[in-house]
């Protein structure tokens, strides 16, 4: 089970960069762990820190208004590059529950939904307006994202609907990954395997891979 996403209100961190790839989100040198945890401190490592290890105060996530942010507003094609799921693990562990962008890489989008992070596609104009409002706030800027109503708003005049397919919406609302979603159908699967669901049971196969030396 993953943490369900129903409604969330949180501070915004703005990352107005296009084509942010997964190697920038979680650099390859940190991919040595086999657990899903421990990646948060390495999020955007090469941008958050200088080569000598000191904090890069100019990086967007290191600014005071971004501290404790749980909503990330980013540029187009976010999460492109390799398919590493570690990128979403790092974002989630760092504290982000939702990412808003004009577009996402397909595999990254799916990985978000698998791990309780809501990816929200808004138009380029809507993202630009959010970035403008964030900059004008001069401090903490907050957004509310409602997955039930499929709506983003800031309580100060901005409101925008967003689309998400029903399957992924259900997964997020109920805190399910694809395995958990499949297990909801366990009784039907078992009935199908027994042949008691009114359909033909799973056919058996006599196919066997020949051993070495047995011929073709």
C-alpha atoms as a PDB file:
ATOM      1  CA  UNK A   1       0.000   0.000   0.000  1.00  0.00           C
ATOM      2  CA  UNK A   2       1.078   3.554  -0.687  1.00  0.00           C
ATOM      3  CA  UNK A   3      -0.220   6.750   0.874  1.00  0.00           C
ATOM      4  CA  UNK A   4      -3.512   7.677  -0.753  1.00  0.00           C
ATOM      5  CA  UNK A   5      -3.913  11.040  -2.445  1.00  0.00           C
ATOM      6  CA  UNK A   6      -7.349  12.621  -2.052  1.00  0.00           C
ATOM      7  CA  UNK A   7      -6.858  16.326  -1.315  1.00  0.00           C
ATOM      8  CA  UNK A   8      -3.685  18.160  -0.457  1.00  0.00           C
ATOM      9  CA  UNK A   9      -2.764  21.739   0.378  1.00  0.00           C
ATOM     10  CA  UNK A  10       0.876  22.708   0.608  1.00  0.00           C
ATOM     11  CA  UNK A  11       3.599  25.234  -0.048  1.00  0.00           C
ATOM     12  CA  UNK A  12       4.902  25.504  -3.598  1.00  0.00           C
ATOM     13  CA  UNK A  13       8.453  25.167  -4.861  1.00  0.00           C
ATOM     14  CA  UNK A  14       8.930  26.554  -8.368  1.00  0.00           C
ATOM     15  CA  UNK A  15      11.321  24.943 -10.821  1.00  0.00           C
ATOM     16  CA  UNK A  16      10.721  26.817 -14.105  1.00  0.00           C
ATOM     17  CA  UNK A  17      12.992  24.623 -16.215  1.00  0.00           C
ATOM     18  CA  UNK A  18      12.005  22.491 -19.178  1.00  0.00           C
ATOM     19  CA  UNK A  19      13.315  18.986 -19.920  1.00  0.00           C
ATOM     20  CA  UNK A  20      14.369  18.191 -16.347  1.00  0.00           C
ATOM     21  CA  UNK A  21      15.544  14.602 -16.719  1.00  0.00           C
ATOM     22  CA  UNK A  22      15.735  11.775 -14.205  1.00  0.00           C
ATOM     23  CA  UNK A  23      19.522  11.968 -13.957  1.00  0.00           C
ATOM     24  CA  UNK A  24      19.155  15.540 -12.739  1.00  0.00           C
ATOM     25  CA  UNK A  25      16.398  14.507 -10.336  1.00  0.00           C
ATOM     26  CA  UNK A  26      18.477  11.674  -8.847  1.00  0.00           C
ATOM     27  CA  UNK A  27      22.038  11.429 -10.220  1.00  0.00           C
ATOM     28  CA  UNK A  28      23.281   7.989 -11.214  1.00  0.00           C
ATOM     29  CA  UNK A  29      25.917   7.768  -8.470  1.00  0.00           C
ATOM     30  CA  UNK A  30      23.118   7.398  -5.902  1.00  0.00           C
ATOM     31  CA  UNK A  31      21.459   4.392  -7.540  1.00  0.00           C
ATOM     32  CA  UNK A  32      23.333   1.775  -5.512  1.00  0.00           C
ATOM     33  CA  UNK A  33      20.623   1.152  -2.914  1.00  0.00           C
ATOM     34  CA  UNK A  34      18.186  -1.741  -3.288  1.00  0.00           C
ATOM     35  CA  UNK A  35      15.599  -0.234  -0.928  1.00  0.00           C
ATOM     36  CA  UNK A  36      13.067   2.409  -1.993  1.00  0.00           C
ATOM     37  CA  UNK A  37      14.198   4.745   0.764  1.00  0.00           C
ATOM     38  CA  UNK A  38      17.244   6.903   1.300  1.00  0.00           C
ATOM     39  CA  UNK A  39      17.072   8.862  -1.947  1.00  0.00           C
ATOM     40  CA  UNK A  40      15.477  12.057  -0.627  1.00  0.00           C
ATOM     41  CA  UNK A  41      18.742  13.693   0.518  1.00  0.00           C
ATOM     42  CA  UNK A  42      20.199  13.191  -2.978  1.00  0.00           C
ATOM     43  CA  UNK A  43      17.313  14.856  -4.832  1.00  0.00           C
ATOM     44  CA  UNK A  44      18.677  17.329  -7.413  1.00  0.00           C
ATOM     45  CA  UNK A  45      22.067  16.808  -5.765  1.00  0.00           C
ATOM     46  CA  UNK A  46      24.171  18.334  -8.531  1.00  0.00           C
ATOM     47  CA  UNK A  47      21.984  21.440  -8.493  1.00  0.00           C
ATOM     48  CA  UNK A  48      21.440  21.748  -4.750  1.00  0.00           C
ATOM     49  CA  UNK A  49      25.140  21.519  -3.932  1.00  0.00           C
ATOM     50  CA  UNK A  50      28.349  22.907  -5.410  1.00  0.00           C
ATOM     51  CA  UNK A  51      31.279  20.627  -6.285  1.00  0.00           C
ATOM     52  CA  UNK A  52      32.870  21.352  -2.871  1.00  0.00           C
ATOM     53  CA  UNK A  53      29.699  20.143  -1.100  1.00  0.00           C
ATOM     54  CA  UNK A  54      28.475  23.575  -0.025  1.00  0.00           C
ATOM     55  CA  UNK A  55      24.838  24.545  -0.543  1.00  0.00           C
ATOM     56  CA  UNK A  56      24.062  26.326  -3.805  1.00  0.00           C
ATOM     57  CA  UNK A  57      21.884  29.159  -2.500  1.00  0.00           C
ATOM     58  CA  UNK A  58      20.901  30.124  -6.040  1.00  0.00           C
ATOM     59  CA  UNK A  59      19.102  26.854  -6.753  1.00  0.00           C
ATOM     60  CA  UNK A  60      15.323  27.156  -6.604  1.00  0.00           C
ATOM     61  CA  UNK A  61      14.739  24.475  -3.959  1.00  0.00           C
ATOM     62  CA  UNK A  62      17.330  26.036  -1.636  1.00  0.00           C
ATOM     63  CA  UNK A  63      15.496  29.352  -1.417  1.00  0.00           C
ATOM     64  CA  UNK A  64      13.709  30.132   1.880  1.00  0.00           C
ATOM     65  CA  UNK A  65      10.198  30.059   0.369  1.00  0.00           C
ATOM     66  CA  UNK A  66      10.787  26.526  -0.926  1.00  0.00           C
ATOM     67  CA  UNK A  67      11.601  25.006   2.456  1.00  0.00           C
ATOM     68  CA  UNK A  68       8.980  22.447   3.441  1.00  0.00           C
ATOM     69  CA  UNK A  69       7.302  22.641   0.030  1.00  0.00           C
ATOM     70  CA  UNK A  70       5.100  19.704  -0.909  1.00  0.00           C
ATOM     71  CA  UNK A  71       3.943  20.909  -4.340  1.00  0.00           C
ATOM     72  CA  UNK A  72       6.408  21.299  -7.217  1.00  0.00           C
ATOM     73  CA  UNK A  73       5.558  23.502 -10.218  1.00  0.00           C
ATOM     74  CA  UNK A  74       7.879  22.741 -13.120  1.00  0.00           C
ATOM     75  CA  UNK A  75       8.423  23.198 -16.848  1.00  0.00           C
ATOM     76  CA  UNK A  76       7.489  21.016 -19.798  1.00  0.00           C
ATOM     77  CA  UNK A  77       8.662  17.423 -20.319  1.00  0.00           C
ATOM     78  CA  UNK A  78       9.433  16.899 -16.652  1.00  0.00           C
ATOM     79  CA  UNK A  79      10.969  13.510 -15.826  1.00  0.00           C
ATOM     80  CA  UNK A  80      12.389  12.763 -19.267  1.00  0.00           C
ATOM     81  CA  UNK A  81      15.470  10.599 -19.750  1.00  0.00           C
ATOM     82  CA  UNK A  82      15.934   7.135 -18.275  1.00  0.00           C
ATOM     83  CA  UNK A  83      13.015   5.261 -16.757  1.00  0.00           C
ATOM     84  CA  UNK A  84      14.506   5.041 -13.245  1.00  0.00           C
ATOM     85  CA  UNK A  85      11.758   4.844 -10.635  1.00  0.00           C
ATOM     86  CA  UNK A  86      14.272   6.159  -8.108  1.00  0.00           C
ATOM     87  CA  UNK A  87      13.493   9.679  -9.353  1.00  0.00           C
ATOM     88  CA  UNK A  88       9.948   9.456  -7.987  1.00  0.00           C
ATOM     89  CA  UNK A  89      11.160   7.795  -4.792  1.00  0.00           C
ATOM     90  CA  UNK A  90      13.522  10.738  -4.229  1.00  0.00           C
ATOM     91  CA  UNK A  91      10.826  13.339  -4.879  1.00  0.00           C
ATOM     92  CA  UNK A  92       8.375  11.558  -2.592  1.00  0.00           C
ATOM     93  CA  UNK A  93      10.860  11.101   0.239  1.00  0.00           C
ATOM     94  CA  UNK A  94      11.913  14.748  -0.039  1.00  0.00           C
ATOM     95  CA  UNK A  95       8.290  15.636   0.663  1.00  0.00           C
ATOM     96  CA  UNK A  96       6.564  16.310  -2.660  1.00  0.00           C
ATOM     97  CA  UNK A  97       3.006  14.996  -2.977  1.00  0.00           C
ATOM     98  CA  UNK A  98       2.133  16.629  -6.294  1.00  0.00           C
ATOM     99  CA  UNK A  99       4.011  17.854  -9.369  1.00  0.00           C
ATOM    100  CA  UNK A 100       2.402  20.328 -11.772  1.00  0.00           C
ATOM    101  CA  UNK A 101       3.792  20.759 -15.281  1.00  0.00           C
ATOM    102  CA  UNK A 102       2.606  21.239 -18.869  1.00  0.00           C
ATOM    103  CA  UNK A 103       3.804  17.742 -19.766  1.00  0.00           C
ATOM    104  CA  UNK A 104       5.634  14.719 -18.346  1.00  0.00           C
ATOM    105  CA  UNK A 105       7.636  11.851 -19.760  1.00  0.00           C
ATOM    106  CA  UNK A 106       5.223   8.911 -20.010  1.00  0.00           C
ATOM    107  CA  UNK A 107       7.149   6.438 -17.840  1.00  0.00           C
ATOM    108  CA  UNK A 108       7.829   9.068 -15.191  1.00  0.00           C
ATOM    109  CA  UNK A 109       4.116   9.942 -15.117  1.00  0.00           C
ATOM    110  CA  UNK A 110       3.212   6.277 -14.574  1.00  0.00           C
ATOM    111  CA  UNK A 111       5.871   5.906 -11.875  1.00  0.00           C
ATOM    112  CA  UNK A 112       4.389   8.879 -10.006  1.00  0.00           C
ATOM    113  CA  UNK A 113       0.966   7.257  -9.946  1.00  0.00           C
ATOM    114  CA  UNK A 114       2.533   4.004  -8.742  1.00  0.00           C
ATOM    115  CA  UNK A 115       4.111   5.749  -5.755  1.00  0.00           C
ATOM    116  CA  UNK A 116       1.458   8.115  -4.431  1.00  0.00           C
ATOM    117  CA  UNK A 117       2.720  11.263  -6.155  1.00  0.00           C
ATOM    118  CA  UNK A 118       0.062  13.062  -8.208  1.00  0.00           C
ATOM    119  CA  UNK A 119       1.307  14.361 -11.594  1.00  0.00           C
ATOM    120  CA  UNK A 120      -0.957  17.182 -12.781  1.00  0.00           C
ATOM    121  CA  UNK A 121      -0.912  18.356 -16.385  1.00  0.00           C
ATOM    122  CA  UNK A 122      -1.954  21.981 -16.800  1.00  0.00           C
ATOM    123  CA  UNK A 123      -1.652  24.180 -19.857  1.00  0.00           C
ATOM    124  CA  UNK A 124       1.527  26.168 -20.429  1.00  0.00           C
ATOM    125  CA  UNK A 125      -0.453  29.336 -19.750  1.00  0.00           C
ATOM    126  CA  UNK A 126      -1.765  28.011 -16.434  1.00  0.00           C
ATOM    127  CA  UNK A 127       1.714  26.940 -15.321  1.00  0.00           C
ATOM    128  CA  UNK A 128       3.067  30.360 -16.308  1.00  0.00           C
ATOM    129  CA  UNK A 129       0.363  32.010 -14.217  1.00  0.00           C
ATOM    130  CA  UNK A 130       1.198  29.831 -11.211  1.00  0.00           C
ATOM    131  CA  UNK A 131       4.885  30.717 -11.564  1.00  0.00           C
ATOM    132  CA  UNK A 132       3.959  34.397 -11.776  1.00  0.00           C
ATOM    133  CA  UNK A 133       1.806  34.179  -8.651  1.00  0.00           C
ATOM    134  CA  UNK A 134       4.539  32.277  -6.827  1.00  0.00           C
ATOM    135  CA  UNK A 135       7.100  34.980  -7.660  1.00  0.00           C
ATOM    136  CA  UNK A 136       4.691  37.769  -6.706  1.00  0.00           C
ATOM    137  CA  UNK A 137       3.899  36.198  -3.344  1.00  0.00           C
ATOM    138  CA  UNK A 138       7.284  37.254  -2.005  1.00  0.00           C
ATOM    139  CA  UNK A 139       7.249  34.330   0.381  1.00  0.00           C
ATOM    140  CA  UNK A 140       5.313  31.100   0.838  1.00  0.00           C
ATOM    141  CA  UNK A 141       2.739  30.450  -1.893  1.00  0.00           C
ATOM    142  CA  UNK A 142       0.259  27.628  -1.304  1.00  0.00           C
ATOM    143  CA  UNK A 143      -1.851  25.523  -3.622  1.00  0.00           C
ATOM    144  CA  UNK A 144      -4.665  23.061  -3.019  1.00  0.00           C
ATOM    145  CA  UNK A 145      -5.024  20.018  -5.260  1.00  0.00           C
ATOM    146  CA  UNK A 146      -8.264  18.045  -5.097  1.00  0.00           C
ATOM    147  CA  UNK A 147      -8.155  14.706  -6.898  1.00  0.00           C
ATOM    148  CA  UNK A 148     -11.827  14.007  -6.208  1.00  0.00           C
ATOM    149  CA  UNK A 149     -12.883  17.198  -7.981  1.00  0.00           C
ATOM    150  CA  UNK A 150      -9.793  17.173 -10.263  1.00  0.00           C
ATOM    151  CA  UNK A 151      -9.108  20.802  -9.521  1.00  0.00           C
ATOM    152  CA  UNK A 152      -6.160  23.042  -8.565  1.00  0.00           C
ATOM    153  CA  UNK A 153      -6.712  26.363  -6.779  1.00  0.00           C
ATOM    154  CA  UNK A 154      -4.843  28.864  -4.647  1.00  0.00           C
ATOM    155  CA  UNK A 155      -7.739  30.515  -2.804  1.00  0.00           C
ATOM    156  CA  UNK A 156      -6.838  33.856  -4.389  1.00  0.00           C
ATOM    157  CA  UNK A 157      -8.533  33.648  -7.754  1.00  0.00           C
ATOM    158  CA  UNK A 158      -6.644  30.888  -9.541  1.00  0.00           C
ATOM    159  CA  UNK A 159      -8.563  27.707 -10.289  1.00  0.00           C
ATOM    160  CA  UNK A 160      -8.013  25.127 -13.018  1.00  0.00           C
ATOM    161  CA  UNK A 161      -9.399  21.661 -13.735  1.00  0.00           C
ATOM    162  CA  UNK A 162      -7.126  18.825 -14.752  1.00  0.00           C
ATOM    163  CA  UNK A 163      -7.649  15.484 -16.453  1.00  0.00           C
ATOM    164  CA  UNK A 164      -6.461  12.070 -15.304  1.00  0.00           C
ATOM    165  CA  UNK A 165      -7.536   8.652 -16.519  1.00  0.00           C
ATOM    166  CA  UNK A 166      -9.967   6.780 -14.280  1.00  0.00           C
ATOM    167  CA  UNK A 167      -7.631   3.835 -13.612  1.00  0.00           C
ATOM    168  CA  UNK A 168      -4.771   5.951 -12.244  1.00  0.00           C
ATOM    169  CA  UNK A 169      -7.170   8.217 -10.369  1.00  0.00           C
ATOM    170  CA  UNK A 170      -8.612   5.181  -8.568  1.00  0.00           C
ATOM    171  CA  UNK A 171      -5.125   3.904  -7.707  1.00  0.00           C
ATOM    172  CA  UNK A 172      -4.140   7.223  -6.151  1.00  0.00           C
ATOM    173  CA  UNK A 173      -7.425   7.775  -4.304  1.00  0.00           C
ATOM    174  CA  UNK A 174      -7.174   4.349  -2.669  1.00  0.00           C
ATOM    175  CA  UNK A 175      -3.408   4.181  -2.189  1.00  0.00           C
ATOM    176  CA  UNK A 176      -2.843   1.268  -4.545  1.00  0.00           C
ATOM    177  CA  UNK A 177      -0.022   0.335  -6.856  1.00  0.00           C
ATOM    178  CA  UNK A 178      -0.693  -1.975  -9.805  1.00  0.00           C
ATOM    179  CA  UNK A 179      -0.188  -5.101  -7.700  1.00  0.00           C
ATOM    180  CA  UNK A 180      -2.614  -3.827  -5.074  1.00  0.00           C
ATOM    181  CA  UNK A 181      -5.120  -2.900  -7.777  1.00  0.00           C
ATOM    182  CA  UNK A 182      -4.870  -6.390  -9.269  1.00  0.00           C
ATOM    183  CA  UNK A 183      -5.406  -8.022  -5.865  1.00  0.00           C
ATOM    184  CA  UNK A 184      -8.788  -6.304  -5.613  1.00  0.00           C
ATOM    185  CA  UNK A 185      -9.863  -8.795  -8.282  1.00  0.00           C
ATOM    186  CA  UNK A 186      -8.410 -11.795  -6.437  1.00  0.00           C
ATOM    187  CA  UNK A 187     -11.740 -13.602  -6.094  1.00  0.00           C
ATOM    188  CA  UNK A 188     -12.534 -13.189  -9.785  1.00  0.00           C
ATOM    189  CA  UNK A 189      -9.033 -14.313 -10.750  1.00  0.00           C
ATOM    190  CA  UNK A 190      -9.351 -17.423  -8.566  1.00  0.00           C
ATOM    191  CA  UNK A 191     -12.776 -18.204 -10.025  1.00  0.00           C
ATOM    192  CA  UNK A 192     -11.382 -17.873 -13.540  1.00  0.00           C
ATOM    193  CA  UNK A 193      -8.530 -20.231 -12.708  1.00  0.00           C
ATOM    194  CA  UNK A 194     -11.008 -22.778 -11.265  1.00  0.00           C
ATOM    195  CA  UNK A 195     -13.277 -22.417 -14.280  1.00  0.00           C
ATOM    196  CA  UNK A 196     -16.221 -21.480 -12.047  1.00  0.00           C
ATOM    197  CA  UNK A 197     -16.830 -18.011 -13.420  1.00  0.00           C
ATOM    198  CA  UNK A 198     -18.854 -19.225 -16.387  1.00  0.00           C
ATOM    199  CA  UNK A 199     -15.886 -19.020 -18.706  1.00  0.00           C
ATOM    200  CA  UNK A 200     -13.405 -21.593 -19.946  1.00  0.00           C
ATOM    201  CA  UNK A 201     -10.679 -22.304 -17.401  1.00  0.00           C
ATOM    202  CA  UNK A 202      -7.083 -21.377 -18.130  1.00  0.00           C
ATOM    203  CA  UNK A 203      -5.868 -23.885 -20.732  1.00  0.00           C
ATOM    204  CA  UNK A 204      -2.917 -26.059 -19.884  1.00  0.00           C
ATOM    205  CA  UNK A 205       0.033 -26.249 -22.248  1.00  0.00           C
ATOM    206  CA  UNK A 206       2.287 -29.187 -23.002  1.00  0.00           C
ATOM    207  CA  UNK A 207       4.983 -26.877 -24.297  1.00  0.00           C
ATOM    208  CA  UNK A 208       8.395 -27.538 -22.751  1.00  0.00           C
ATOM    209  CA  UNK A 209      11.737 -25.919 -23.517  1.00  0.00           C
ATOM    210  CA  UNK A 210      14.040 -28.733 -24.660  1.00  0.00           C
ATOM    211  CA  UNK A 211      17.184 -29.363 -22.695  1.00  0.00           C
ATOM    212  CA  UNK A 212      20.605 -28.944 -24.243  1.00  0.00           C
ATOM    213  CA  UNK A 213      21.298 -31.879 -26.546  1.00  0.00           C
ATOM    214  CA  UNK A 214      17.632 -32.844 -27.073  1.00  0.00           C
ATOM    215  CA  UNK A 215      17.520 -31.314 -30.532  1.00  0.00           C
ATOM    216  CA  UNK A 216      15.133 -28.694 -31.824  1.00  0.00           C
END
